[in-house]
Amino acid sequence: MSDHKHGSMDIADQEKTYDGFLKLGKWTAYICIGVLVFLAITST
């Protein structure tokens, strides 16, 4: 079998990707809310 030891993998790249995904989701939500507020204010 293999000599893999649990917890020995370098996960720095995965953590960076996950952080980027969370930032993208946060900014997408902010933009959507901003667009909705703008449309609510400017609708006549």
N, C-alpha and C. Protein backbone atom coordinates (compact mmCIF):
# COMPACT_ATOMS: atom_id res chain seq x y z
N MET A 1 0.83 -1.19 0.00
CA MET A 1 0.00 0.00 0.00
C MET A 1 0.87 1.25 0.00
N SER A 2 0.23 2.40 0.06
CA SER A 2 0.98 3.64 0.02
C SER A 2 1.43 4.06 1.42
N ASP A 3 2.37 4.98 1.44
CA ASP A 3 2.91 5.46 2.71
C ASP A 3 2.31 6.81 3.08
N HIS A 4 1.07 7.07 2.68
CA HIS A 4 0.43 8.35 2.97
C HIS A 4 0.12 8.47 4.46
N LYS A 5 0.43 9.65 5.02
CA LYS A 5 0.13 9.92 6.42
C LYS A 5 -0.93 11.02 6.47
N HIS A 6 -1.99 10.76 7.19
CA HIS A 6 -3.11 11.70 7.29
C HIS A 6 -2.62 13.04 7.85
N GLY A 7 -3.00 14.14 7.18
CA GLY A 7 -2.64 15.47 7.63
C GLY A 7 -1.30 15.97 7.16
N SER A 8 -0.63 15.27 6.28
CA SER A 8 0.71 15.68 5.86
C SER A 8 0.70 16.46 4.55
N MET A 9 -0.45 16.61 3.90
CA MET A 9 -0.51 17.29 2.61
C MET A 9 -0.50 18.81 2.79
N ASP A 10 0.18 19.50 1.89
CA ASP A 10 0.20 20.97 1.90
C ASP A 10 -1.08 21.46 1.24
N ILE A 11 -1.91 22.18 2.00
CA ILE A 11 -3.21 22.62 1.49
C ILE A 11 -3.27 24.13 1.30
N ALA A 12 -2.14 24.78 1.17
CA ALA A 12 -2.10 26.24 1.04
C ALA A 12 -2.86 26.69 -0.21
N ASP A 13 -2.70 25.99 -1.32
CA ASP A 13 -3.40 26.37 -2.55
C ASP A 13 -4.91 26.21 -2.41
N GLN A 14 -5.35 25.15 -1.77
CA GLN A 14 -6.77 24.94 -1.56
C GLN A 14 -7.36 26.02 -0.67
N GLU A 15 -6.61 26.43 0.36
CA GLU A 15 -7.09 27.48 1.26
C GLU A 15 -7.21 28.82 0.52
N LYS A 16 -6.25 29.12 -0.34
CA LYS A 16 -6.31 30.35 -1.13
C LYS A 16 -7.52 30.33 -2.07
N THR A 17 -7.75 29.19 -2.70
CA THR A 17 -8.89 29.06 -3.61
C THR A 17 -10.20 29.23 -2.86
N TYR A 18 -10.32 28.61 -1.70
CA TYR A 18 -11.54 28.71 -0.89
C TYR A 18 -11.76 30.15 -0.43
N ASP A 19 -10.70 30.82 0.01
CA ASP A 19 -10.83 32.22 0.42
C ASP A 19 -11.27 33.09 -0.75
N GLY A 20 -10.71 32.84 -1.93
CA GLY A 20 -11.12 33.59 -3.12
C GLY A 20 -12.58 33.34 -3.47
N PHE A 21 -13.02 32.10 -3.33
CA PHE A 21 -14.42 31.76 -3.60
C PHE A 21 -15.34 32.49 -2.64
N LEU A 22 -14.98 32.55 -1.37
CA LEU A 22 -15.81 33.25 -0.38
C LEU A 22 -15.86 34.75 -0.67
N LYS A 23 -14.72 35.33 -1.07
CA LYS A 23 -14.69 36.75 -1.41
C LYS A 23 -15.55 37.03 -2.63
N LEU A 24 -15.47 36.16 -3.63
CA LEU A 24 -16.29 36.32 -4.83
C LEU A 24 -17.78 36.26 -4.47
N GLY A 25 -18.16 35.32 -3.63
CA GLY A 25 -19.55 35.21 -3.22
C GLY A 25 -20.02 36.42 -2.45
N LYS A 26 -19.16 36.94 -1.57
CA LYS A 26 -19.51 38.12 -0.78
C LYS A 26 -19.72 39.33 -1.68
N TRP A 27 -18.80 39.56 -2.61
CA TRP A 27 -18.92 40.72 -3.48
C TRP A 27 -20.09 40.58 -4.46
N THR A 28 -20.37 39.37 -4.89
CA THR A 28 -21.54 39.15 -5.75
C THR A 28 -22.81 39.51 -5.00
N ALA A 29 -22.90 39.11 -3.74
CA ALA A 29 -24.08 39.44 -2.93
C ALA A 29 -24.19 40.95 -2.74
N TYR A 30 -23.07 41.62 -2.46
CA TYR A 30 -23.10 43.07 -2.29
C TYR A 30 -23.57 43.77 -3.56
N ILE A 31 -23.09 43.34 -4.69
CA ILE A 31 -23.47 43.96 -5.96
C ILE A 31 -24.96 43.73 -6.24
N CYS A 32 -25.44 42.52 -6.00
CA CYS A 32 -26.86 42.23 -6.21
C CYS A 32 -27.74 43.09 -5.31
N ILE A 33 -27.36 43.21 -4.06
CA ILE A 33 -28.14 44.04 -3.14
C ILE A 33 -28.09 45.50 -3.58
N GLY A 34 -26.92 45.96 -4.00
CA GLY A 34 -26.80 47.33 -4.49
C GLY A 34 -27.67 47.59 -5.70
N VAL A 35 -27.70 46.66 -6.63
CA VAL A 35 -28.54 46.80 -7.82
C VAL A 35 -30.02 46.84 -7.42
N LEU A 36 -30.42 45.96 -6.52
CA LEU A 36 -31.82 45.95 -6.08
C LEU A 36 -32.21 47.24 -5.37
N VAL A 37 -31.34 47.75 -4.53
CA VAL A 37 -31.61 49.03 -3.86
C VAL A 37 -31.70 50.15 -4.88
N PHE A 38 -30.79 50.18 -5.83
CA PHE A 38 -30.83 51.21 -6.88
C PHE A 38 -32.12 51.13 -7.68
N LEU A 39 -32.54 49.93 -8.04
CA LEU A 39 -33.79 49.79 -8.79
C LEU A 39 -34.99 50.20 -7.96
N ALA A 40 -34.98 49.91 -6.67
CA ALA A 40 -36.09 50.29 -5.81
C ALA A 40 -36.17 51.81 -5.64
N ILE A 41 -35.02 52.46 -5.57
CA ILE A 41 -35.01 53.91 -5.39
C ILE A 41 -35.43 54.63 -6.67
N THR A 42 -34.99 54.14 -7.81
CA THR A 42 -35.22 54.86 -9.08
C THR A 42 -36.50 54.43 -9.78
N SER A 43 -37.21 53.44 -9.26
CA SER A 43 -38.45 53.03 -9.95
C SER A 43 -39.53 54.07 -9.72
N THR A 44 -40.34 54.27 -10.76
CA THR A 44 -41.41 55.28 -10.64
C THR A 44 -42.75 54.68 -10.96
